[in-house]
Amino acid sequence: MTKTRLEAFTDAVIAIIMTILVLELSGPKSDTLESLIELLPHLGVYFISFIILAIYWVNHHHLFQSIKKISGDVLWINILFLFILSLVPVFSNWVSHYPNSFIPELGYVLVFFFANFMYFILTKQLLKVNGHLHSSDSTLKKNILSVVMNIISIALGYFIAPVIMLFGSALVFSMWIIPDKKVEAMFK
């Protein structure tokens, strides 16, 4: 399989996950402002989850732009990465209904922790198959920092306040909003 085919498959799966995410939303129950206000937590979680999925997609795209070949291991690791992302709509819906509860927040954050971990494994495997990548140093550092920050935010959320997990995840994803500049420079 070519890397282009894997990228197209990944694009399709992430697009489907984003579609399912929006289908989980329900409209206002009436024509009142209060009914719309009741939807704000759901819309907020939808927005955050959509942006996070977009961040994964952009960084995945940039990572695959810096490689020449893939392996069977890369295929399976990518499938596991997509499997974890496919859980985002379920946990987004759960946390939007119970925004101040520890277990839904933990589930939501754990989905992203495991996605970050699988992205790290994917990057390591692509390095093994392709040698040094243009983005490998900074991408690996961001991968490791993401996983560590996820673990710290989960611990702080457990011992102090569950909302810390959500802020920790937001901090992690803020690092990934701008992809590696070295990959961008390759195409100029």
N, C-alpha and C. Protein backbone atom coordinates (compact mmCIF):
# COMPACT_ATOMS: atom_id res chain seq x y z
N MET A 1 0.85 -1.17 0.00
CA MET A 1 0.00 0.00 0.00
C MET A 1 0.89 1.24 0.00
N THR A 2 0.47 2.24 -0.72
CA THR A 2 1.24 3.48 -0.78
C THR A 2 0.83 4.39 0.38
N LYS A 3 1.71 5.33 0.68
CA LYS A 3 1.38 6.27 1.75
C LYS A 3 0.18 7.13 1.36
N THR A 4 0.00 7.39 0.07
CA THR A 4 -1.13 8.19 -0.39
C THR A 4 -2.45 7.50 -0.07
N ARG A 5 -2.49 6.20 -0.25
CA ARG A 5 -3.71 5.46 0.05
C ARG A 5 -4.00 5.47 1.55
N LEU A 6 -2.97 5.33 2.34
CA LEU A 6 -3.15 5.39 3.80
C LEU A 6 -3.64 6.77 4.23
N GLU A 7 -3.09 7.81 3.64
CA GLU A 7 -3.53 9.17 3.95
C GLU A 7 -5.00 9.37 3.57
N ALA A 8 -5.40 8.86 2.40
CA ALA A 8 -6.79 9.01 1.96
C ALA A 8 -7.73 8.27 2.90
N PHE A 9 -7.33 7.08 3.32
CA PHE A 9 -8.14 6.32 4.27
C PHE A 9 -8.28 7.07 5.59
N THR A 10 -7.17 7.60 6.09
CA THR A 10 -7.19 8.36 7.34
C THR A 10 -8.07 9.59 7.20
N ASP A 11 -7.95 10.30 6.08
CA ASP A 11 -8.79 11.47 5.84
C ASP A 11 -10.27 11.10 5.91
N ALA A 12 -10.62 10.00 5.27
CA ALA A 12 -12.02 9.57 5.24
C ALA A 12 -12.52 9.21 6.63
N VAL A 13 -11.73 8.47 7.38
CA VAL A 13 -12.16 8.05 8.72
C VAL A 13 -12.33 9.26 9.63
N ILE A 14 -11.38 10.19 9.60
CA ILE A 14 -11.50 11.38 10.45
C ILE A 14 -12.71 12.22 10.03
N ALA A 15 -12.97 12.31 8.73
CA ALA A 15 -14.16 13.04 8.26
C ALA A 15 -15.44 12.38 8.77
N ILE A 16 -15.48 11.06 8.77
CA ILE A 16 -16.65 10.34 9.27
C ILE A 16 -16.81 10.57 10.77
N ILE A 17 -15.70 10.54 11.51
CA ILE A 17 -15.76 10.79 12.96
C ILE A 17 -16.30 12.19 13.23
N MET A 18 -15.84 13.17 12.45
CA MET A 18 -16.34 14.53 12.61
C MET A 18 -17.84 14.62 12.30
N THR A 19 -18.28 13.87 11.32
CA THR A 19 -19.69 13.85 10.96
C THR A 19 -20.52 13.22 12.08
N ILE A 20 -20.04 12.11 12.62
CA ILE A 20 -20.75 11.46 13.73
C ILE A 20 -20.80 12.41 14.93
N LEU A 21 -19.72 13.14 15.14
CA LEU A 21 -19.67 14.09 16.25
C LEU A 21 -20.81 15.11 16.16
N VAL A 22 -21.04 15.64 14.97
CA VAL A 22 -22.12 16.63 14.82
C VAL A 22 -23.49 15.96 14.86
N LEU A 23 -23.59 14.72 14.42
CA LEU A 23 -24.87 14.02 14.47
C LEU A 23 -25.29 13.69 15.89
N GLU A 24 -24.34 13.66 16.82
CA GLU A 24 -24.65 13.43 18.23
C GLU A 24 -25.36 14.63 18.86
N LEU A 25 -25.25 15.80 18.21
CA LEU A 25 -25.92 16.99 18.73
C LEU A 25 -27.41 16.92 18.42
N SER A 26 -28.20 17.41 19.36
CA SER A 26 -29.63 17.53 19.07
C SER A 26 -29.99 19.01 19.08
N GLY A 27 -31.02 19.34 18.37
CA GLY A 27 -31.44 20.74 18.28
C GLY A 27 -32.12 21.19 19.56
N PRO A 28 -32.38 22.49 19.65
CA PRO A 28 -33.10 23.01 20.83
C PRO A 28 -34.47 22.34 20.94
N LYS A 29 -34.92 22.18 22.18
CA LYS A 29 -36.21 21.52 22.43
C LYS A 29 -37.40 22.43 22.19
N SER A 30 -37.13 23.74 22.15
CA SER A 30 -38.21 24.69 21.89
C SER A 30 -37.63 25.92 21.20
N ASP A 31 -38.46 26.91 21.00
CA ASP A 31 -38.03 28.11 20.29
C ASP A 31 -37.61 29.23 21.25
N THR A 32 -37.22 28.88 22.47
CA THR A 32 -36.85 29.88 23.46
C THR A 32 -35.34 30.03 23.58
N LEU A 33 -34.93 31.14 24.09
CA LEU A 33 -33.50 31.39 24.34
C LEU A 33 -32.97 30.43 25.39
N GLU A 34 -33.78 30.10 26.38
CA GLU A 34 -33.37 29.15 27.42
C GLU A 34 -33.04 27.79 26.82
N SER A 35 -33.80 27.40 25.83
CA SER A 35 -33.57 26.12 25.16
C SER A 35 -32.23 26.13 24.44
N LEU A 36 -31.90 27.26 23.84
CA LEU A 36 -30.60 27.39 23.17
C LEU A 36 -29.47 27.40 24.20
N ILE A 37 -29.68 28.09 25.30
CA ILE A 37 -28.66 28.16 26.35
C ILE A 37 -28.38 26.77 26.93
N GLU A 38 -29.41 25.93 27.01
CA GLU A 38 -29.22 24.55 27.49
C GLU A 38 -28.27 23.76 26.60
N LEU A 39 -28.20 24.14 25.32
CA LEU A 39 -27.32 23.43 24.37
C LEU A 39 -25.86 23.87 24.44
N LEU A 40 -25.58 24.99 25.09
CA LEU A 40 -24.23 25.54 25.09
C LEU A 40 -23.15 24.56 25.55
N PRO A 41 -23.36 23.78 26.62
CA PRO A 41 -22.31 22.82 26.98
C PRO A 41 -22.06 21.80 25.87
N HIS A 42 -23.12 21.36 25.22
CA HIS A 42 -22.98 20.39 24.13
C HIS A 42 -22.25 21.00 22.94
N LEU A 43 -22.62 22.24 22.61
CA LEU A 43 -21.95 22.94 21.50
C LEU A 43 -20.49 23.21 21.83
N GLY A 44 -20.21 23.54 23.08
CA GLY A 44 -18.83 23.79 23.50
C GLY A 44 -17.97 22.55 23.37
N VAL A 45 -18.47 21.43 23.86
CA VAL A 45 -17.72 20.17 23.76
C VAL A 45 -17.57 19.76 22.30
N TYR A 46 -18.63 19.94 21.51
CA TYR A 46 -18.55 19.64 20.08
C TYR A 46 -17.45 20.47 19.43
N PHE A 47 -17.44 21.77 19.70
CA PHE A 47 -16.44 22.66 19.12
C PHE A 47 -15.02 22.23 19.50
N ILE A 48 -14.81 21.97 20.78
CA ILE A 48 -13.48 21.55 21.24
C ILE A 48 -13.07 20.23 20.59
N SER A 49 -13.97 19.26 20.57
CA SER A 49 -13.66 17.95 19.98
C SER A 49 -13.38 18.07 18.48
N PHE A 50 -14.15 18.90 17.80
CA PHE A 50 -13.94 19.10 16.36
C PHE A 50 -12.56 19.70 16.11
N ILE A 51 -12.20 20.71 16.89
CA ILE A 51 -10.89 21.35 16.74
C ILE A 51 -9.77 20.35 17.03
N ILE A 52 -9.93 19.54 18.06
CA ILE A 52 -8.91 18.54 18.39
C ILE A 52 -8.75 17.55 17.24
N LEU A 53 -9.85 17.08 16.67
CA LEU A 53 -9.77 16.17 15.53
C LEU A 53 -9.09 16.85 14.35
N ALA A 54 -9.38 18.12 14.14
CA ALA A 54 -8.72 18.86 13.06
C ALA A 54 -7.21 18.98 13.32
N ILE A 55 -6.83 19.19 14.56
CA ILE A 55 -5.41 19.27 14.91
C ILE A 55 -4.73 17.94 14.62
N TYR A 56 -5.36 16.84 15.00
CA TYR A 56 -4.79 15.52 14.69
C TYR A 56 -4.65 15.35 13.17
N TRP A 57 -5.68 15.74 12.44
CA TRP A 57 -5.64 15.56 10.99
C TRP A 57 -4.51 16.37 10.36
N VAL A 58 -4.38 17.64 10.73
CA VAL A 58 -3.34 18.51 10.17
C VAL A 58 -1.96 17.95 10.47
N ASN A 59 -1.73 17.54 11.72
CA ASN A 59 -0.42 17.04 12.09
C ASN A 59 -0.13 15.68 11.45
N HIS A 60 -1.14 14.85 11.32
CA HIS A 60 -0.97 13.57 10.62
C HIS A 60 -0.57 13.83 9.16
N HIS A 61 -1.26 14.78 8.54
CA HIS A 61 -0.95 15.16 7.16
C HIS A 61 0.51 15.62 7.04
N HIS A 62 0.93 16.49 7.94
CA HIS A 62 2.31 16.99 7.90
C HIS A 62 3.32 15.88 8.16
N LEU A 63 3.01 14.99 9.09
CA LEU A 63 3.91 13.88 9.36
C LEU A 63 4.09 13.01 8.12
N PHE A 64 2.99 12.72 7.45
CA PHE A 64 3.07 11.85 6.28
C PHE A 64 3.66 12.56 5.06
N GLN A 65 3.67 13.88 5.05
CA GLN A 65 4.34 14.60 3.97
C GLN A 65 5.85 14.48 4.08
N SER A 66 6.34 14.15 5.26
CA SER A 66 7.79 14.08 5.46
C SER A 66 8.35 12.68 5.29
N ILE A 67 7.53 11.71 4.89
CA ILE A 67 8.02 10.34 4.73
C ILE A 67 7.94 9.90 3.27
N LYS A 68 8.65 8.83 2.99
CA LYS A 68 8.63 8.26 1.64
C LYS A 68 7.92 6.91 1.60
N LYS A 69 8.04 6.12 2.67
CA LYS A 69 7.46 4.77 2.65
C LYS A 69 6.81 4.41 3.97
N ILE A 70 5.95 3.40 3.90
CA ILE A 70 5.26 2.89 5.08
C ILE A 70 5.48 1.39 5.15
N SER A 71 5.08 0.78 6.25
CA SER A 71 5.20 -0.66 6.43
C SER A 71 3.87 -1.21 6.94
N GLY A 72 3.81 -2.53 7.04
CA GLY A 72 2.62 -3.16 7.61
C GLY A 72 2.38 -2.72 9.04
N ASP A 73 3.46 -2.55 9.80
CA ASP A 73 3.33 -2.07 11.18
C ASP A 73 2.71 -0.67 11.21
N VAL A 74 3.13 0.19 10.30
CA VAL A 74 2.58 1.54 10.22
C VAL A 74 1.08 1.48 9.95
N LEU A 75 0.68 0.58 9.06
CA LEU A 75 -0.75 0.43 8.76
C LEU A 75 -1.55 0.09 10.02
N TRP A 76 -1.08 -0.89 10.77
CA TRP A 76 -1.81 -1.33 11.96
C TRP A 76 -1.78 -0.29 13.08
N ILE A 77 -0.67 0.38 13.24
CA ILE A 77 -0.59 1.44 14.25
C ILE A 77 -1.54 2.57 13.88
N ASN A 78 -1.58 2.90 12.60
CA ASN A 78 -2.50 3.95 12.14
C ASN A 78 -3.96 3.53 12.36
N ILE A 79 -4.26 2.26 12.13
CA ILE A 79 -5.62 1.75 12.37
C ILE A 79 -5.97 1.88 13.86
N LEU A 80 -5.04 1.53 14.75
CA LEU A 80 -5.30 1.68 16.18
C LEU A 80 -5.49 3.15 16.56
N PHE A 81 -4.68 4.03 15.97
CA PHE A 81 -4.83 5.46 16.19
C PHE A 81 -6.23 5.91 15.78
N LEU A 82 -6.70 5.47 14.61
CA LEU A 82 -8.03 5.85 14.13
C LEU A 82 -9.14 5.24 15.00
N PHE A 83 -8.91 4.02 15.46
CA PHE A 83 -9.88 3.38 16.35
C PHE A 83 -10.09 4.24 17.60
N ILE A 84 -9.00 4.68 18.18
CA ILE A 84 -9.10 5.52 19.38
C ILE A 84 -9.83 6.82 19.06
N LEU A 85 -9.49 7.44 17.93
CA LEU A 85 -10.19 8.67 17.54
C LEU A 85 -11.68 8.42 17.32
N SER A 86 -12.04 7.22 16.89
CA SER A 86 -13.46 6.93 16.63
C SER A 86 -14.28 6.94 17.92
N LEU A 87 -13.62 6.89 19.07
CA LEU A 87 -14.32 6.95 20.35
C LEU A 87 -14.63 8.38 20.79
N VAL A 88 -14.06 9.36 20.10
CA VAL A 88 -14.25 10.76 20.47
C VAL A 88 -15.74 11.15 20.52
N PRO A 89 -16.59 10.80 19.55
CA PRO A 89 -18.00 11.20 19.65
C PRO A 89 -18.70 10.65 20.90
N VAL A 90 -18.40 9.41 21.27
CA VAL A 90 -19.05 8.81 22.44
C VAL A 90 -18.68 9.57 23.71
N PHE A 91 -17.37 9.81 23.88
CA PHE A 91 -16.92 10.47 25.11
C PHE A 91 -17.23 11.98 25.09
N SER A 92 -17.29 12.57 23.91
CA SER A 92 -17.70 13.97 23.82
C SER A 92 -19.15 14.13 24.27
N ASN A 93 -19.99 13.23 23.81
CA ASN A 93 -21.40 13.27 24.20
C ASN A 93 -21.54 13.06 25.70
N TRP A 94 -20.80 12.12 26.24
CA TRP A 94 -20.88 11.81 27.67
C TRP A 94 -20.45 13.00 28.52
N VAL A 95 -19.30 13.59 28.16
CA VAL A 95 -18.79 14.71 28.96
C VAL A 95 -19.68 15.95 28.79
N SER A 96 -20.33 16.09 27.65
CA SER A 96 -21.21 17.26 27.47
C SER A 96 -22.48 17.14 28.32
N HIS A 97 -22.89 15.91 28.64
CA HIS A 97 -24.05 15.72 29.52
C HIS A 97 -23.68 15.81 31.00
N TYR A 98 -22.42 15.49 31.32
CA TYR A 98 -21.97 15.51 32.72
C TYR A 98 -20.64 16.26 32.81
N PRO A 99 -20.66 17.57 32.54
CA PRO A 99 -19.41 18.33 32.43
C PRO A 99 -18.62 18.48 33.73
N ASN A 100 -19.23 18.26 34.86
CA ASN A 100 -18.53 18.42 36.14
C ASN A 100 -18.28 17.09 36.85
N SER A 101 -18.44 15.99 36.13
CA SER A 101 -18.26 14.67 36.74
C SER A 101 -16.89 14.11 36.38
N PHE A 102 -16.26 13.51 37.35
CA PHE A 102 -14.90 13.01 37.17
C PHE A 102 -14.80 11.91 36.11
N ILE A 103 -15.66 10.91 36.18
CA ILE A 103 -15.53 9.75 35.29
C ILE A 103 -15.73 10.14 33.81
N PRO A 104 -16.77 10.90 33.43
CA PRO A 104 -16.86 11.32 32.03
C PRO A 104 -15.66 12.16 31.57
N GLU A 105 -15.19 13.06 32.44
CA GLU A 105 -14.02 13.87 32.08
C GLU A 105 -12.78 12.98 31.93
N LEU A 106 -12.63 12.03 32.83
CA LEU A 106 -11.50 11.10 32.75
C LEU A 106 -11.56 10.31 31.45
N GLY A 107 -12.74 9.81 31.10
CA GLY A 107 -12.90 9.06 29.85
C GLY A 107 -12.54 9.91 28.65
N TYR A 108 -12.99 11.15 28.64
CA TYR A 108 -12.72 12.08 27.54
C TYR A 108 -11.22 12.33 27.40
N VAL A 109 -10.57 12.58 28.53
CA VAL A 109 -9.14 12.87 28.52
C VAL A 109 -8.34 11.60 28.18
N LEU A 110 -8.79 10.44 28.66
CA LEU A 110 -8.07 9.19 28.36
C LEU A 110 -8.11 8.86 26.86
N VAL A 111 -9.21 9.17 26.20
CA VAL A 111 -9.27 8.96 24.75
C VAL A 111 -8.15 9.74 24.08
N PHE A 112 -7.96 10.99 24.47
CA PHE A 112 -6.91 11.80 23.87
C PHE A 112 -5.52 11.37 24.34
N PHE A 113 -5.41 10.89 25.57
CA PHE A 113 -4.13 10.36 26.04
C PHE A 113 -3.71 9.18 25.16
N PHE A 114 -4.63 8.23 24.95
CA PHE A 114 -4.29 7.07 24.14
C PHE A 114 -4.06 7.44 22.67
N ALA A 115 -4.80 8.42 22.18
CA ALA A 115 -4.56 8.89 20.80
C ALA A 115 -3.17 9.53 20.71
N ASN A 116 -2.79 10.33 21.71
CA ASN A 116 -1.45 10.92 21.72
C ASN A 116 -0.38 9.83 21.79
N PHE A 117 -0.63 8.83 22.63
CA PHE A 117 0.33 7.73 22.75
C PHE A 117 0.47 6.98 21.43
N MET A 118 -0.64 6.70 20.76
CA MET A 118 -0.57 5.98 19.48
C MET A 118 0.09 6.85 18.41
N TYR A 119 -0.11 8.15 18.46
CA TYR A 119 0.55 9.05 17.51
C TYR A 119 2.05 9.02 17.75
N PHE A 120 2.46 8.95 19.00
CA PHE A 120 3.88 8.82 19.34
C PHE A 120 4.44 7.52 18.77
N ILE A 121 3.73 6.41 18.97
CA ILE A 121 4.16 5.11 18.44
C ILE A 121 4.22 5.16 16.91
N LEU A 122 3.24 5.79 16.29
CA LEU A 122 3.21 5.94 14.83
C LEU A 122 4.44 6.71 14.35
N THR A 123 4.75 7.80 15.03
CA THR A 123 5.93 8.59 14.65
C THR A 123 7.20 7.78 14.79
N LYS A 124 7.33 7.05 15.90
CA LYS A 124 8.52 6.20 16.11
C LYS A 124 8.64 5.14 15.01
N GLN A 125 7.52 4.54 14.63
CA GLN A 125 7.56 3.49 13.60
C GLN A 125 7.92 4.10 12.24
N LEU A 126 7.39 5.28 11.95
CA LEU A 126 7.74 5.94 10.69
C LEU A 126 9.22 6.29 10.66
N LEU A 127 9.78 6.66 11.80
CA LEU A 127 11.23 6.90 11.88
C LEU A 127 12.01 5.63 11.60
N LYS A 128 11.53 4.53 12.15
CA LYS A 128 12.20 3.24 11.94
C LYS A 128 12.19 2.86 10.46
N VAL A 129 11.09 3.11 9.78
CA VAL A 129 10.94 2.73 8.38
C VAL A 129 11.67 3.71 7.45
N ASN A 130 11.67 5.00 7.79
CA ASN A 130 12.19 6.04 6.89
C ASN A 130 13.51 6.66 7.31
N GLY A 131 14.01 6.33 8.48
CA GLY A 131 15.20 7.01 8.96
C GLY A 131 14.81 8.35 9.55
N HIS A 132 15.72 9.27 9.59
CA HIS A 132 15.46 10.59 10.17
C HIS A 132 14.46 11.36 9.31
N LEU A 133 13.42 11.89 9.96
CA LEU A 133 12.43 12.70 9.27
C LEU A 133 12.76 14.17 9.46
N HIS A 134 12.29 15.00 8.55
CA HIS A 134 12.50 16.44 8.68
C HIS A 134 11.90 16.98 9.97
N SER A 135 10.82 16.37 10.40
CA SER A 135 10.12 16.87 11.59
C SER A 135 10.35 16.00 12.81
N SER A 136 11.23 15.02 12.73
CA SER A 136 11.29 14.01 13.78
C SER A 136 11.65 14.54 15.15
N ASP A 137 12.64 15.41 15.26
CA ASP A 137 13.07 15.87 16.58
C ASP A 137 11.97 16.62 17.31
N SER A 138 11.41 17.65 16.67
CA SER A 138 10.39 18.44 17.34
C SER A 138 9.10 17.65 17.51
N THR A 139 8.76 16.79 16.55
CA THR A 139 7.55 15.99 16.67
C THR A 139 7.67 15.00 17.82
N LEU A 140 8.81 14.34 17.94
CA LEU A 140 8.98 13.40 19.04
C LEU A 140 8.97 14.11 20.39
N LYS A 141 9.58 15.27 20.46
CA LYS A 141 9.57 16.03 21.71
C LYS A 141 8.14 16.43 22.08
N LYS A 142 7.36 16.88 21.09
CA LYS A 142 5.97 17.25 21.36
C LYS A 142 5.16 16.02 21.75
N ASN A 143 5.44 14.87 21.11
CA ASN A 143 4.75 13.63 21.45
C ASN A 143 4.99 13.25 22.90
N ILE A 144 6.25 13.24 23.29
CA ILE A 144 6.60 12.85 24.66
C ILE A 144 6.01 13.84 25.66
N LEU A 145 6.15 15.12 25.39
CA LEU A 145 5.60 16.15 26.27
C LEU A 145 4.08 16.01 26.39
N SER A 146 3.41 15.71 25.29
CA SER A 146 1.95 15.53 25.31
C SER A 146 1.55 14.40 26.24
N VAL A 147 2.20 13.26 26.11
CA VAL A 147 1.87 12.10 26.94
C VAL A 147 2.13 12.41 28.41
N VAL A 148 3.27 13.03 28.71
CA VAL A 148 3.61 13.37 30.10
C VAL A 148 2.60 14.37 30.66
N MET A 149 2.27 15.40 29.87
CA MET A 149 1.31 16.40 30.35
C MET A 149 -0.07 15.78 30.56
N ASN A 150 -0.46 14.82 29.71
CA ASN A 150 -1.73 14.12 29.91
C ASN A 150 -1.72 13.38 31.24
N ILE A 151 -0.64 12.69 31.54
CA ILE A 151 -0.55 11.94 32.80
C ILE A 151 -0.62 12.89 33.99
N ILE A 152 0.12 14.00 33.92
CA ILE A 152 0.11 14.97 35.02
C ILE A 152 -1.28 15.57 35.21
N SER A 153 -1.95 15.92 34.11
CA SER A 153 -3.28 16.53 34.24
C SER A 153 -4.30 15.53 34.79
N ILE A 154 -4.16 14.26 34.45
CA ILE A 154 -5.06 13.24 35.01
C ILE A 154 -4.83 13.12 36.52
N ALA A 155 -3.58 13.09 36.93
CA ALA A 155 -3.27 12.99 38.35
C ALA A 155 -3.79 14.22 39.10
N LEU A 156 -3.53 15.40 38.57
CA LEU A 156 -4.02 16.63 39.22
C LEU A 156 -5.54 16.68 39.24
N GLY A 157 -6.16 16.21 38.16
CA GLY A 157 -7.62 16.17 38.11
C GLY A 157 -8.20 15.23 39.15
N TYR A 158 -7.52 14.14 39.39
CA TYR A 158 -7.99 13.18 40.38
C TYR A 158 -7.83 13.74 41.80
N PHE A 159 -6.68 14.33 42.08
CA PHE A 159 -6.40 14.78 43.44
C PHE A 159 -6.91 16.17 43.77
N ILE A 160 -7.08 17.03 42.76
CA ILE A 160 -7.48 18.41 43.04
C ILE A 160 -8.89 18.70 42.53
N ALA A 161 -9.03 18.74 41.19
CA ALA A 161 -10.35 19.03 40.60
C ALA A 161 -10.39 18.45 39.19
N PRO A 162 -11.48 17.77 38.84
CA PRO A 162 -11.57 17.13 37.53
C PRO A 162 -11.37 18.08 36.35
N VAL A 163 -11.77 19.32 36.50
CA VAL A 163 -11.68 20.27 35.39
C VAL A 163 -10.21 20.50 34.97
N ILE A 164 -9.27 20.23 35.87
CA ILE A 164 -7.84 20.39 35.54
C ILE A 164 -7.47 19.48 34.36
N MET A 165 -8.11 18.31 34.29
CA MET A 165 -7.82 17.40 33.17
C MET A 165 -8.16 18.05 31.83
N LEU A 166 -9.29 18.75 31.79
CA LEU A 166 -9.71 19.39 30.55
C LEU A 166 -8.76 20.53 30.18
N PHE A 167 -8.36 21.32 31.18
CA PHE A 167 -7.41 22.40 30.91
C PHE A 167 -6.05 21.85 30.49
N GLY A 168 -5.64 20.75 31.11
CA GLY A 168 -4.38 20.11 30.72
C GLY A 168 -4.43 19.63 29.28
N SER A 169 -5.55 19.05 28.88
CA SER A 169 -5.70 18.61 27.49
C SER A 169 -5.69 19.78 26.53
N ALA A 170 -6.34 20.87 26.93
CA ALA A 170 -6.34 22.07 26.08
C ALA A 170 -4.91 22.59 25.90
N LEU A 171 -4.13 22.56 26.96
CA LEU A 171 -2.74 22.99 26.88
C LEU A 171 -1.94 22.08 25.95
N VAL A 172 -2.16 20.78 26.05
CA VAL A 172 -1.48 19.83 25.17
C VAL A 172 -1.80 20.14 23.72
N PHE A 173 -3.07 20.32 23.40
CA PHE A 173 -3.44 20.54 22.01
C PHE A 173 -3.03 21.90 21.49
N SER A 174 -2.86 22.85 22.39
CA SER A 174 -2.38 24.16 21.93
C SER A 174 -0.97 24.07 21.37
N MET A 175 -0.19 23.09 21.84
CA MET A 175 1.16 22.89 21.29
C MET A 175 1.13 22.39 19.85
N TRP A 176 0.05 21.71 19.49
CA TRP A 176 -0.04 21.05 18.19
C TRP A 176 -0.77 21.89 17.14
N ILE A 177 -1.30 23.04 17.52
CA ILE A 177 -2.07 23.85 16.56
C ILE A 177 -1.22 24.23 15.36
N ILE A 178 0.02 24.61 15.61
CA ILE A 178 0.93 24.97 14.51
C ILE A 178 1.84 23.78 14.26
N PRO A 179 1.71 23.13 13.09
CA PRO A 179 2.56 21.99 12.78
C PRO A 179 4.02 22.43 12.63
N ASP A 180 4.86 21.44 12.51
CA ASP A 180 6.30 21.66 12.43
C ASP A 180 6.66 22.53 11.21
N LYS A 181 7.39 23.58 11.44
CA LYS A 181 7.80 24.51 10.37
C LYS A 181 8.76 23.84 9.40
N LYS A 182 9.52 22.84 9.85
CA LYS A 182 10.48 22.17 8.96
C LYS A 182 9.76 21.45 7.82
N VAL A 183 8.60 20.89 8.12
CA VAL A 183 7.81 20.23 7.07
C VAL A 183 7.29 21.26 6.09
N GLU A 184 6.82 22.38 6.60
CA GLU A 184 6.33 23.46 5.73
C GLU A 184 7.44 23.93 4.80
N ALA A 185 8.64 24.04 5.33
CA ALA A 185 9.77 24.54 4.53
C ALA A 185 10.13 23.57 3.40
N MET A 186 9.83 22.29 3.58
CA MET A 186 10.15 21.31 2.54
C MET A 186 9.41 21.60 1.23
N PHE A 187 8.26 22.23 1.32
CA PHE A 187 7.40 22.39 0.15
C PHE A 187 7.48 23.77 -0.45
N LYS A 188 8.43 24.59 -0.02
CA LYS A 188 8.57 25.94 -0.57
C LYS A 188 9.57 25.94 -1.68
